[in-house]
Amino acid sequence: MKFKVITLVENAVTQSSKKLIGEHGLSFYIEAGDRRILFDTGQDSALAHNAKVLGIDLSQLDSVVLSHGHYDHSGGLRSLLGCNPDFTLYAHPDVFGEKVKGADKKLKYIRNTL
């Protein structure tokens, strides 16, 4: 089976001539045979923009896999649902549970707000 993996979201962008944008987070578009899979969704703003620049139609996704529920890996899910509400989501049952970072009274929420 042939695989293709394209990075849609990550911190640094080296192909500036294609007008890609970077953001803190991660998203991979994967083609495996006739399946189209999105692994993580990044924070939000870069996902749809970079997919369009690279000619990837997010409305054709079969599956979305979320590695965990931090905003930089699942924040783009809300936008994705706007262009494709018909995919299978694979995630841990607690992916949208409360997540914080910090110590003492300086806590910051780091989960997706879906």
PDB file of N, CA and C in Angstrom:
ATOM      1  N   MET A   1       0.835  -1.171   0.000  1.00  0.00           N
ATOM      2  CA  MET A   1       0.000   0.000   0.000  1.00  0.00           C
ATOM      3  C   MET A   1       0.886   1.242   0.000  1.00  0.00           C
ATOM      4  N   LYS A   2       0.509   2.219  -0.784  1.00  0.00           N
ATOM      5  CA  LYS A   2       1.250   3.477  -0.848  1.00  0.00           C
ATOM      6  C   LYS A   2       0.759   4.424   0.237  1.00  0.00           C
ATOM      7  N   PHE A   3       1.709   5.138   0.855  1.00  0.00           N
ATOM      8  CA  PHE A   3       1.419   6.146   1.868  1.00  0.00           C
ATOM      9  C   PHE A   3       1.921   7.495   1.398  1.00  0.00           C
ATOM     10  N   LYS A   4       1.187   8.526   1.790  1.00  0.00           N
ATOM     11  CA  LYS A   4       1.670   9.889   1.618  1.00  0.00           C
ATOM     12  C   LYS A   4       1.367  10.614   2.916  1.00  0.00           C
ATOM     13  N   VAL A   5       2.363  11.294   3.484  1.00  0.00           N
ATOM     14  CA  VAL A   5       2.181  12.072   4.702  1.00  0.00           C
ATOM     15  C   VAL A   5       2.617  13.505   4.414  1.00  0.00           C
ATOM     16  N   ILE A   6       1.733  14.458   4.681  1.00  0.00           N
ATOM     17  CA  ILE A   6       2.022  15.864   4.457  1.00  0.00           C
ATOM     18  C   ILE A   6       1.813  16.611   5.769  1.00  0.00           C
ATOM     19  N   THR A   7       2.807  17.372   6.184  1.00  0.00           N
ATOM     20  CA  THR A   7       2.680  18.183   7.390  1.00  0.00           C
ATOM     21  C   THR A   7       1.854  19.420   7.063  1.00  0.00           C
ATOM     22  N   LEU A   8       0.731  19.572   7.754  1.00  0.00           N
ATOM     23  CA  LEU A   8      -0.125  20.741   7.542  1.00  0.00           C
ATOM     24  C   LEU A   8       0.144  21.837   8.567  1.00  0.00           C
ATOM     25  N   VAL A   9       0.449  21.440   9.799  1.00  0.00           N
ATOM     26  CA  VAL A   9       0.687  22.411  10.869  1.00  0.00           C
ATOM     27  C   VAL A   9       1.901  21.985  11.672  1.00  0.00           C
ATOM     28  N   GLU A  10       2.797  22.935  11.885  1.00  0.00           N
ATOM     29  CA  GLU A  10       3.930  22.763  12.793  1.00  0.00           C
ATOM     30  C   GLU A  10       4.518  24.145  13.056  1.00  0.00           C
ATOM     31  N   ASN A  11       5.510  24.212  13.925  1.00  0.00           N
ATOM     32  CA  ASN A  11       6.022  25.496  14.408  1.00  0.00           C
ATOM     33  C   ASN A  11       6.771  26.318  13.369  1.00  0.00           C
ATOM     34  N   ALA A  12       7.476  25.694  12.487  1.00  0.00           N
ATOM     35  CA  ALA A  12       8.330  26.421  11.544  1.00  0.00           C
ATOM     36  C   ALA A  12       7.895  26.125  10.115  1.00  0.00           C
ATOM     37  N   VAL A  13       7.979  27.134   9.275  1.00  0.00           N
ATOM     38  CA  VAL A  13       7.609  26.959   7.875  1.00  0.00           C
ATOM     39  C   VAL A  13       8.821  27.288   7.026  1.00  0.00           C
ATOM     40  N   THR A  14       9.230  26.344   6.181  1.00  0.00           N
ATOM     41  CA  THR A  14      10.405  26.576   5.336  1.00  0.00           C
ATOM     42  C   THR A  14      10.029  26.836   3.887  1.00  0.00           C
ATOM     43  N   GLN A  15       8.791  26.573   3.515  1.00  0.00           N
ATOM     44  CA  GLN A  15       8.363  26.773   2.129  1.00  0.00           C
ATOM     45  C   GLN A  15       7.594  28.080   2.011  1.00  0.00           C
ATOM     46  N   SER A  16       8.243  29.186   2.352  1.00  0.00           N
ATOM     47  CA  SER A  16       7.549  30.472   2.372  1.00  0.00           C
ATOM     48  C   SER A  16       7.033  30.881   0.997  1.00  0.00           C
ATOM     49  N   SER A  17       7.626  30.346  -0.053  1.00  0.00           N
ATOM     50  CA  SER A  17       7.151  30.694  -1.392  1.00  0.00           C
ATOM     51  C   SER A  17       5.739  30.175  -1.638  1.00  0.00           C
ATOM     52  N   LYS A  18       5.324  29.173  -0.883  1.00  0.00           N
ATOM     53  CA  LYS A  18       3.964  28.639  -1.018  1.00  0.00           C
ATOM     54  C   LYS A  18       2.985  29.347  -0.084  1.00  0.00           C
ATOM     55  N   LYS A  19       3.457  30.321   0.673  1.00  0.00           N
ATOM     56  CA  LYS A  19       2.612  31.098   1.581  1.00  0.00           C
ATOM     57  C   LYS A  19       1.978  30.260   2.683  1.00  0.00           C
ATOM     58  N   LEU A  20       2.698  29.255   3.151  1.00  0.00           N
ATOM     59  CA  LEU A  20       2.226  28.470   4.282  1.00  0.00           C
ATOM     60  C   LEU A  20       2.431  29.267   5.561  1.00  0.00           C
ATOM     61  N   ILE A  21       1.596  29.003   6.568  1.00  0.00           N
ATOM     62  CA  ILE A  21       1.785  29.659   7.859  1.00  0.00           C
ATOM     63  C   ILE A  21       2.078  28.613   8.923  1.00  0.00           C
ATOM     64  N   GLY A  22       2.866  28.987   9.905  1.00  0.00           N
ATOM     65  CA  GLY A  22       3.205  28.104  11.002  1.00  0.00           C
ATOM     66  C   GLY A  22       2.492  28.547  12.263  1.00  0.00           C
ATOM     67  N   GLU A  23       2.274  27.606  13.153  1.00  0.00           N
ATOM     68  CA  GLU A  23       1.732  27.913  14.467  1.00  0.00           C
ATOM     69  C   GLU A  23       2.172  26.806  15.417  1.00  0.00           C
ATOM     70  N   HIS A  24       2.175  27.112  16.696  1.00  0.00           N
ATOM     71  CA  HIS A  24       2.488  26.106  17.704  1.00  0.00           C
ATOM     72  C   HIS A  24       1.427  25.021  17.609  1.00  0.00           C
ATOM     73  N   GLY A  25       1.835  23.810  17.329  1.00  0.00           N
ATOM     74  CA  GLY A  25       0.890  22.712  17.210  1.00  0.00           C
ATOM     75  C   GLY A  25       1.328  21.732  16.143  1.00  0.00           C
ATOM     76  N   LEU A  26       0.437  20.801  15.818  1.00  0.00           N
ATOM     77  CA  LEU A  26       0.791  19.744  14.888  1.00  0.00           C
ATOM     78  C   LEU A  26      -0.445  19.235  14.157  1.00  0.00           C
ATOM     79  N   SER A  27      -0.275  18.938  12.879  1.00  0.00           N
ATOM     80  CA  SER A  27      -1.292  18.259  12.095  1.00  0.00           C
ATOM     81  C   SER A  27      -0.637  17.614  10.882  1.00  0.00           C
ATOM     82  N   PHE A  28      -0.960  16.337  10.669  1.00  0.00           N
ATOM     83  CA  PHE A  28      -0.485  15.602   9.499  1.00  0.00           C
ATOM     84  C   PHE A  28      -1.682  15.128   8.680  1.00  0.00           C
ATOM     85  N   TYR A  29      -1.600  15.312   7.379  1.00  0.00           N
ATOM     86  CA  TYR A  29      -2.576  14.746   6.442  1.00  0.00           C
ATOM     87  C   TYR A  29      -1.946  13.470   5.896  1.00  0.00           C
ATOM     88  N   ILE A  30      -2.701  12.383   5.936  1.00  0.00           N
ATOM     89  CA  ILE A  30      -2.169  11.079   5.532  1.00  0.00           C
ATOM     90  C   ILE A  30      -3.091  10.459   4.486  1.00  0.00           C
ATOM     91  N   GLU A  31      -2.501  10.010   3.391  1.00  0.00           N
ATOM     92  CA  GLU A  31      -3.224   9.194   2.425  1.00  0.00           C
ATOM     93  C   GLU A  31      -2.642   7.798   2.509  1.00  0.00           C
ATOM     94  N   ALA A  32      -3.503   6.824   2.752  1.00  0.00           N
ATOM     95  CA  ALA A  32      -3.093   5.424   2.845  1.00  0.00           C
ATOM     96  C   ALA A  32      -4.061   4.620   1.992  1.00  0.00           C
ATOM     97  N   GLY A  33      -3.600   4.215   0.825  1.00  0.00           N
ATOM     98  CA  GLY A  33      -4.506   3.569  -0.123  1.00  0.00           C
ATOM     99  C   GLY A  33      -5.564   4.578  -0.531  1.00  0.00           C
ATOM    100  N   ASP A  34      -6.835   4.230  -0.343  1.00  0.00           N
ATOM    101  CA  ASP A  34      -7.920   5.156  -0.695  1.00  0.00           C
ATOM    102  C   ASP A  34      -8.454   5.928   0.522  1.00  0.00           C
ATOM    103  N   ARG A  35      -7.770   5.844   1.650  1.00  0.00           N
ATOM    104  CA  ARG A  35      -8.194   6.521   2.881  1.00  0.00           C
ATOM    105  C   ARG A  35      -7.486   7.853   3.041  1.00  0.00           C
ATOM    106  N   ARG A  36      -8.238   8.849   3.544  1.00  0.00           N
ATOM    107  CA  ARG A  36      -7.687  10.171   3.829  1.00  0.00           C
ATOM    108  C   ARG A  36      -7.881  10.447   5.317  1.00  0.00           C
ATOM    109  N   ILE A  37      -6.771  10.615   6.016  1.00  0.00           N
ATOM    110  CA  ILE A  37      -6.772  10.690   7.480  1.00  0.00           C
ATOM    111  C   ILE A  37      -6.079  11.973   7.912  1.00  0.00           C
ATOM    112  N   LEU A  38      -6.623  12.616   8.933  1.00  0.00           N
ATOM    113  CA  LEU A  38      -5.974  13.769   9.541  1.00  0.00           C
ATOM    114  C   LEU A  38      -5.546  13.364  10.938  1.00  0.00           C
ATOM    115  N   PHE A  39      -4.248  13.468  11.213  1.00  0.00           N
ATOM    116  CA  PHE A  39      -3.720  13.175  12.542  1.00  0.00           C
ATOM    117  C   PHE A  39      -3.475  14.506  13.233  1.00  0.00           C
ATOM    118  N   ASP A  40      -4.310  14.831  14.201  1.00  0.00           N
ATOM    119  CA  ASP A  40      -4.303  16.085  14.941  1.00  0.00           C
ATOM    120  C   ASP A  40      -4.723  17.242  14.033  1.00  0.00           C
ATOM    121  N   THR A  41      -5.119  18.355  14.658  1.00  0.00           N
ATOM    122  CA  THR A  41      -5.686  19.471  13.896  1.00  0.00           C
ATOM    123  C   THR A  41      -4.973  20.792  14.127  1.00  0.00           C
ATOM    124  N   GLY A  42      -3.877  20.799  14.872  1.00  0.00           N
ATOM    125  CA  GLY A  42      -3.213  22.060  15.180  1.00  0.00           C
ATOM    126  C   GLY A  42      -4.090  22.920  16.063  1.00  0.00           C
ATOM    127  N   GLN A  43      -3.690  24.194  16.228  1.00  0.00           N
ATOM    128  CA  GLN A  43      -4.474  25.112  17.069  1.00  0.00           C
ATOM    129  C   GLN A  43      -5.755  25.530  16.383  1.00  0.00           C
ATOM    130  N   ASP A  44      -5.669  25.931  15.117  1.00  0.00           N
ATOM    131  CA  ASP A  44      -6.862  26.294  14.361  1.00  0.00           C
ATOM    132  C   ASP A  44      -6.539  27.045  13.082  1.00  0.00           C
ATOM    133  N   SER A  45      -5.896  28.190  13.176  1.00  0.00           N
ATOM    134  CA  SER A  45      -5.791  29.080  12.021  1.00  0.00           C
ATOM    135  C   SER A  45      -4.978  28.520  10.861  1.00  0.00           C
ATOM    136  N   ALA A  46      -3.972  27.733  11.119  1.00  0.00           N
ATOM    137  CA  ALA A  46      -3.105  27.248  10.043  1.00  0.00           C
ATOM    138  C   ALA A  46      -3.698  26.071   9.274  1.00  0.00           C
ATOM    139  N   LEU A  47      -4.542  25.280   9.896  1.00  0.00           N
ATOM    140  CA  LEU A  47      -5.024  24.041   9.278  1.00  0.00           C
ATOM    141  C   LEU A  47      -5.708  24.277   7.931  1.00  0.00           C
ATOM    142  N   ALA A  48      -6.782  25.020   7.917  1.00  0.00           N
ATOM    143  CA  ALA A  48      -7.534  25.225   6.664  1.00  0.00           C
ATOM    144  C   ALA A  48      -6.712  26.019   5.654  1.00  0.00           C
ATOM    145  N   HIS A  49      -5.977  27.018   6.128  1.00  0.00           N
ATOM    146  CA  HIS A  49      -5.158  27.829   5.229  1.00  0.00           C
ATOM    147  C   HIS A  49      -4.115  26.973   4.511  1.00  0.00           C
ATOM    148  N   ASN A  50      -3.337  26.208   5.287  1.00  0.00           N
ATOM    149  CA  ASN A  50      -2.262  25.406   4.688  1.00  0.00           C
ATOM    150  C   ASN A  50      -2.817  24.288   3.813  1.00  0.00           C
ATOM    151  N   ALA A  51      -3.946  23.700   4.208  1.00  0.00           N
ATOM    152  CA  ALA A  51      -4.560  22.666   3.371  1.00  0.00           C
ATOM    153  C   ALA A  51      -4.938  23.251   2.015  1.00  0.00           C
ATOM    154  N   LYS A  52      -5.512  24.450   2.015  1.00  0.00           N
ATOM    155  CA  LYS A  52      -5.903  25.087   0.754  1.00  0.00           C
ATOM    156  C   LYS A  52      -4.681  25.386  -0.109  1.00  0.00           C
ATOM    157  N   VAL A  53      -3.628  25.947   0.495  1.00  0.00           N
ATOM    158  CA  VAL A  53      -2.397  26.256  -0.247  1.00  0.00           C
ATOM    159  C   VAL A  53      -1.808  24.991  -0.873  1.00  0.00           C
ATOM    160  N   LEU A  54      -1.883  23.881  -0.154  1.00  0.00           N
ATOM    161  CA  LEU A  54      -1.300  22.621  -0.630  1.00  0.00           C
ATOM    162  C   LEU A  54      -2.264  21.788  -1.486  1.00  0.00           C
ATOM    163  N   GLY A  55      -3.475  22.289  -1.712  1.00  0.00           N
ATOM    164  CA  GLY A  55      -4.427  21.575  -2.559  1.00  0.00           C
ATOM    165  C   GLY A  55      -5.072  20.372  -1.899  1.00  0.00           C
ATOM    166  N   ILE A  56      -5.209  20.403  -0.588  1.00  0.00           N
ATOM    167  CA  ILE A  56      -5.821  19.294   0.152  1.00  0.00           C
ATOM    168  C   ILE A  56      -7.246  19.681   0.522  1.00  0.00           C
ATOM    169  N   ASP A  57      -8.200  18.845   0.127  1.00  0.00           N
ATOM    170  CA  ASP A  57      -9.612  19.099   0.374  1.00  0.00           C
ATOM    171  C   ASP A  57     -10.022  18.420   1.684  1.00  0.00           C
ATOM    172  N   LEU A  58     -10.132  19.204   2.755  1.00  0.00           N
ATOM    173  CA  LEU A  58     -10.470  18.647   4.063  1.00  0.00           C
ATOM    174  C   LEU A  58     -11.888  18.094   4.120  1.00  0.00           C
ATOM    175  N   SER A  59     -12.737  18.470   3.170  1.00  0.00           N
ATOM    176  CA  SER A  59     -14.103  17.931   3.154  1.00  0.00           C
ATOM    177  C   SER A  59     -14.123  16.467   2.733  1.00  0.00           C
ATOM    178  N   GLN A  60     -13.012  15.961   2.242  1.00  0.00           N
ATOM    179  CA  GLN A  60     -12.927  14.576   1.784  1.00  0.00           C
ATOM    180  C   GLN A  60     -12.292  13.628   2.796  1.00  0.00           C
ATOM    181  N   LEU A  61     -12.042  14.098   4.021  1.00  0.00           N
ATOM    182  CA  LEU A  61     -11.427  13.246   5.039  1.00  0.00           C
ATOM    183  C   LEU A  61     -12.347  12.097   5.426  1.00  0.00           C
ATOM    184  N   ASP A  62     -11.758  10.932   5.615  1.00  0.00           N
ATOM    185  CA  ASP A  62     -12.495   9.773   6.116  1.00  0.00           C
ATOM    186  C   ASP A  62     -12.432   9.706   7.638  1.00  0.00           C
ATOM    187  N   SER A  63     -11.257  10.044   8.189  1.00  0.00           N
ATOM    188  CA  SER A  63     -11.023   9.881   9.620  1.00  0.00           C
ATOM    189  C   SER A  63     -10.166  11.006  10.160  1.00  0.00           C
ATOM    190  N   VAL A  64     -10.373  11.299  11.448  1.00  0.00           N
ATOM    191  CA  VAL A  64      -9.525  12.227  12.191  1.00  0.00           C
ATOM    192  C   VAL A  64      -9.082  11.507  13.452  1.00  0.00           C
ATOM    193  N   VAL A  65      -7.785  11.553  13.725  1.00  0.00           N
ATOM    194  CA  VAL A  65      -7.206  10.943  14.920  1.00  0.00           C
ATOM    195  C   VAL A  65      -6.650  12.071  15.779  1.00  0.00           C
ATOM    196  N   LEU A  66      -7.069  12.125  17.039  1.00  0.00           N
ATOM    197  CA  LEU A  66      -6.515  13.107  17.964  1.00  0.00           C
ATOM    198  C   LEU A  66      -5.607  12.397  18.952  1.00  0.00           C
ATOM    199  N   SER A  67      -4.350  12.804  18.986  1.00  0.00           N
ATOM    200  CA  SER A  67      -3.390  12.168  19.880  1.00  0.00           C
ATOM    201  C   SER A  67      -3.683  12.492  21.338  1.00  0.00           C
ATOM    202  N   HIS A  68      -4.124  13.719  21.601  1.00  0.00           N
ATOM    203  CA  HIS A  68      -4.515  14.144  22.939  1.00  0.00           C
ATOM    204  C   HIS A  68      -5.268  15.463  22.836  1.00  0.00           C
ATOM    205  N   GLY A  69      -5.815  15.937  23.951  1.00  0.00           N
ATOM    206  CA  GLY A  69      -6.730  17.058  23.916  1.00  0.00           C
ATOM    207  C   GLY A  69      -6.152  18.435  24.139  1.00  0.00           C
ATOM    208  N   HIS A  70      -4.841  18.602  24.093  1.00  0.00           N
ATOM    209  CA  HIS A  70      -4.284  19.951  24.237  1.00  0.00           C
ATOM    210  C   HIS A  70      -4.668  20.788  23.024  1.00  0.00           C
ATOM    211  N   TYR A  71      -4.873  22.089  23.244  1.00  0.00           N
ATOM    212  CA  TYR A  71      -5.361  22.995  22.201  1.00  0.00           C
ATOM    213  C   TYR A  71      -4.507  22.990  20.944  1.00  0.00           C
ATOM    214  N   ASP A  72      -3.211  22.731  21.070  1.00  0.00           N
ATOM    215  CA  ASP A  72      -2.337  22.784  19.901  1.00  0.00           C
ATOM    216  C   ASP A  72      -2.379  21.505  19.068  1.00  0.00           C
ATOM    217  N   HIS A  73      -3.141  20.516  19.510  1.00  0.00           N
ATOM    218  CA  HIS A  73      -3.312  19.275  18.749  1.00  0.00           C
ATOM    219  C   HIS A  73      -4.772  19.027  18.371  1.00  0.00           C
ATOM    220  N   SER A  74      -5.695  19.711  19.046  1.00  0.00           N
ATOM    221  CA  SER A  74      -7.118  19.470  18.772  1.00  0.00           C
ATOM    222  C   SER A  74      -7.922  20.752  18.563  1.00  0.00           C
ATOM    223  N   GLY A  75      -7.297  21.899  18.630  1.00  0.00           N
ATOM    224  CA  GLY A  75      -8.005  23.173  18.522  1.00  0.00           C
ATOM    225  C   GLY A  75      -8.657  23.424  17.177  1.00  0.00           C
ATOM    226  N   GLY A  76      -8.161  22.818  16.116  1.00  0.00           N
ATOM    227  CA  GLY A  76      -8.728  23.021  14.790  1.00  0.00           C
ATOM    228  C   GLY A  76      -9.954  22.169  14.504  1.00  0.00           C
ATOM    229  N   LEU A  77     -10.348  21.340  15.456  1.00  0.00           N
ATOM    230  CA  LEU A  77     -11.479  20.436  15.226  1.00  0.00           C
ATOM    231  C   LEU A  77     -12.778  21.196  14.964  1.00  0.00           C
ATOM    232  N   ARG A  78     -13.018  22.271  15.685  1.00  0.00           N
ATOM    233  CA  ARG A  78     -14.249  23.038  15.503  1.00  0.00           C
ATOM    234  C   ARG A  78     -14.342  23.569  14.065  1.00  0.00           C
ATOM    235  N   SER A  79     -13.265  24.145  13.562  1.00  0.00           N
ATOM    236  CA  SER A  79     -13.264  24.651  12.180  1.00  0.00           C
ATOM    237  C   SER A  79     -13.450  23.521  11.182  1.00  0.00           C
ATOM    238  N   LEU A  80     -12.799  22.398  11.443  1.00  0.00           N
ATOM    239  CA  LEU A  80     -12.912  21.253  10.551  1.00  0.00           C
ATOM    240  C   LEU A  80     -14.352  20.774  10.455  1.00  0.00           C
ATOM    241  N   LEU A  81     -15.069  20.775  11.569  1.00  0.00           N
ATOM    242  CA  LEU A  81     -16.470  20.357  11.555  1.00  0.00           C
ATOM    243  C   LEU A  81     -17.317  21.264  10.666  1.00  0.00           C
ATOM    244  N   GLY A  82     -16.895  22.513  10.492  1.00  0.00           N
ATOM    245  CA  GLY A  82     -17.617  23.430   9.626  1.00  0.00           C
ATOM    246  C   GLY A  82     -17.533  23.063   8.154  1.00  0.00           C
ATOM    247  N   CYS A  83     -16.447  22.426   7.749  1.00  0.00           N
ATOM    248  CA  CYS A  83     -16.315  22.057   6.333  1.00  0.00           C
ATOM    249  C   CYS A  83     -16.509  20.564   6.099  1.00  0.00           C
ATOM    250  N   ASN A  84     -16.495  19.764   7.176  1.00  0.00           N
ATOM    251  CA  ASN A  84     -16.661  18.318   7.018  1.00  0.00           C
ATOM    252  C   ASN A  84     -17.190  17.717   8.321  1.00  0.00           C
ATOM    253  N   PRO A  85     -18.491  17.623   8.480  1.00  0.00           N
ATOM    254  CA  PRO A  85     -19.041  17.007   9.693  1.00  0.00           C
ATOM    255  C   PRO A  85     -19.164  15.485   9.605  1.00  0.00           C
ATOM    256  N   ASP A  86     -18.688  14.900   8.505  1.00  0.00           N
ATOM    257  CA  ASP A  86     -18.931  13.481   8.251  1.00  0.00           C
ATOM    258  C   ASP A  86     -17.632  12.691   8.179  1.00  0.00           C
ATOM    259  N   PHE A  87     -16.964  12.536   9.313  1.00  0.00           N
ATOM    260  CA  PHE A  87     -15.769  11.700   9.386  1.00  0.00           C
ATOM    261  C   PHE A  87     -15.826  10.919  10.692  1.00  0.00           C
ATOM    262  N   THR A  88     -15.029   9.877  10.771  1.00  0.00           N
ATOM    263  CA  THR A  88     -14.929   9.095  11.992  1.00  0.00           C
ATOM    264  C   THR A  88     -13.819   9.696  12.852  1.00  0.00           C
ATOM    265  N   LEU A  89     -14.126   9.975  14.106  1.00  0.00           N
ATOM    266  CA  LEU A  89     -13.150  10.542  15.040  1.00  0.00           C
ATOM    267  C   LEU A  89     -12.616   9.448  15.942  1.00  0.00           C
ATOM    268  N   TYR A  90     -11.290   9.340  16.014  1.00  0.00           N
ATOM    269  CA  TYR A  90     -10.620   8.399  16.902  1.00  0.00           C
ATOM    270  C   TYR A  90      -9.872   9.194  17.954  1.00  0.00           C
ATOM    271  N   ALA A  91     -10.240   8.987  19.217  1.00  0.00           N
ATOM    272  CA  ALA A  91      -9.602   9.718  20.311  1.00  0.00           C
ATOM    273  C   ALA A  91      -9.877   8.999  21.624  1.00  0.00           C
ATOM    274  N   HIS A  92      -9.055   9.259  22.615  1.00  0.00           N
ATOM    275  CA  HIS A  92      -9.281   8.737  23.957  1.00  0.00           C
ATOM    276  C   HIS A  92     -10.581   9.343  24.489  1.00  0.00           C
ATOM    277  N   PRO A  93     -11.354   8.606  25.276  1.00  0.00           N
ATOM    278  CA  PRO A  93     -12.619   9.151  25.789  1.00  0.00           C
ATOM    279  C   PRO A  93     -12.462  10.455  26.590  1.00  0.00           C
ATOM    280  N   ASP A  94     -11.306  10.693  27.177  1.00  0.00           N
ATOM    281  CA  ASP A  94     -11.092  11.903  27.973  1.00  0.00           C
ATOM    282  C   ASP A  94     -10.412  13.025  27.188  1.00  0.00           C
ATOM    283  N   VAL A  95     -10.393  12.926  25.881  1.00  0.00           N
ATOM    284  CA  VAL A  95      -9.661  13.914  25.077  1.00  0.00           C
ATOM    285  C   VAL A  95     -10.162  15.338  25.324  1.00  0.00           C
ATOM    286  N   PHE A  96     -11.431  15.518  25.643  1.00  0.00           N
ATOM    287  CA  PHE A  96     -11.961  16.862  25.872  1.00  0.00           C
ATOM    288  C   PHE A  96     -12.125  17.184  27.350  1.00  0.00           C
ATOM    289  N   GLY A  97     -11.526  16.368  28.205  1.00  0.00           N
ATOM    290  CA  GLY A  97     -11.560  16.646  29.635  1.00  0.00           C
ATOM    291  C   GLY A  97     -10.678  17.838  29.987  1.00  0.00           C
ATOM    292  N   GLU A  98     -10.838  18.342  31.201  1.00  0.00           N
ATOM    293  CA  GLU A  98     -10.086  19.512  31.655  1.00  0.00           C
ATOM    294  C   GLU A  98      -8.590  19.206  31.740  1.00  0.00           C
ATOM    295  N   LYS A  99      -7.800  20.122  31.202  1.00  0.00           N
ATOM    296  CA  LYS A  99      -6.337  20.000  31.245  1.00  0.00           C
ATOM    297  C   LYS A  99      -5.763  21.362  31.591  1.00  0.00           C
ATOM    298  N   VAL A 100      -4.830  21.371  32.534  1.00  0.00           N
ATOM    299  CA  VAL A 100      -4.203  22.626  32.951  1.00  0.00           C
ATOM    300  C   VAL A 100      -2.699  22.426  33.045  1.00  0.00           C
ATOM    301  N   LYS A 101      -1.982  23.552  32.993  1.00  0.00           N
ATOM    302  CA  LYS A 101      -0.556  23.500  33.252  1.00  0.00           C
ATOM    303  C   LYS A 101      -0.240  24.600  34.254  1.00  0.00           C
ATOM    304  N   GLY A 102       0.865  24.453  34.936  1.00  0.00           N
ATOM    305  CA  GLY A 102       1.260  25.455  35.914  1.00  0.00           C
ATOM    306  C   GLY A 102       1.292  24.866  37.303  1.00  0.00           C
ATOM    307  N   ALA A 103       1.487  25.733  38.262  1.00  0.00           N
ATOM    308  CA  ALA A 103       1.562  25.302  39.651  1.00  0.00           C
ATOM    309  C   ALA A 103       0.918  26.354  40.535  1.00  0.00           C
ATOM    310  N   ASP A 104       0.570  25.951  41.736  1.00  0.00           N
ATOM    311  CA  ASP A 104      -0.040  26.840  42.727  1.00  0.00           C
ATOM    312  C   ASP A 104      -1.284  27.497  42.152  1.00  0.00           C
ATOM    313  N   LYS A 105      -1.363  28.797  42.205  1.00  0.00           N
ATOM    314  CA  LYS A 105      -2.558  29.512  41.739  1.00  0.00           C
ATOM    315  C   LYS A 105      -2.411  30.041  40.325  1.00  0.00           C
ATOM    316  N   LYS A 106      -1.321  29.692  39.645  1.00  0.00           N
ATOM    317  CA  LYS A 106      -1.092  30.168  38.281  1.00  0.00           C
ATOM    318  C   LYS A 106      -1.350  29.031  37.295  1.00  0.00           C
ATOM    319  N   LEU A 107      -2.601  28.664  37.164  1.00  0.00           N
ATOM    320  CA  LEU A 107      -2.971  27.579  36.267  1.00  0.00           C
ATOM    321  C   LEU A 107      -3.501  28.147  34.958  1.00  0.00           C
ATOM    322  N   LYS A 108      -3.160  27.489  33.874  1.00  0.00           N
ATOM    323  CA  LYS A 108      -3.635  27.886  32.555  1.00  0.00           C
ATOM    324  C   LYS A 108      -4.308  26.667  31.929  1.00  0.00           C
ATOM    325  N   TYR A 109      -5.516  26.875  31.402  1.00  0.00           N
ATOM    326  CA  TYR A 109      -6.218  25.789  30.737  1.00  0.00           C
ATOM    327  C   TYR A 109      -5.584  25.538  29.378  1.00  0.00           C
ATOM    328  N   ILE A 110      -5.302  24.275  29.069  1.00  0.00           N
ATOM    329  CA  ILE A 110      -4.624  23.939  27.811  1.00  0.00           C
ATOM    330  C   ILE A 110      -5.407  22.875  27.041  1.00  0.00           C
ATOM    331  N   ARG A 111      -6.703  22.863  27.201  1.00  0.00           N
ATOM    332  CA  ARG A 111      -7.517  21.895  26.464  1.00  0.00           C
ATOM    333  C   ARG A 111      -8.249  22.598  25.337  1.00  0.00           C
ATOM    334  N   ASN A 112      -8.766  21.806  24.439  1.00  0.00           N
ATOM    335  CA  ASN A 112      -9.616  22.323  23.380  1.00  0.00           C
ATOM    336  C   ASN A 112     -10.917  22.815  24.020  1.00  0.00           C
ATOM    337  N   THR A 113     -11.529  23.821  23.463  1.00  0.00           N
ATOM    338  CA  THR A 113     -12.764  24.367  24.016  1.00  0.00           C
ATOM    339  C   THR A 113     -14.003  23.873  23.281  1.00  0.00           C
ATOM    340  N   LEU A 114     -13.889  22.795  22.541  1.00  0.00           N
ATOM    341  CA  LEU A 114     -15.035  22.253  21.808  1.00  0.00           C
ATOM    342  C   LEU A 114     -16.083  21.759  22.765  1.00  0.00           C
TER     343      LEU A 114
END
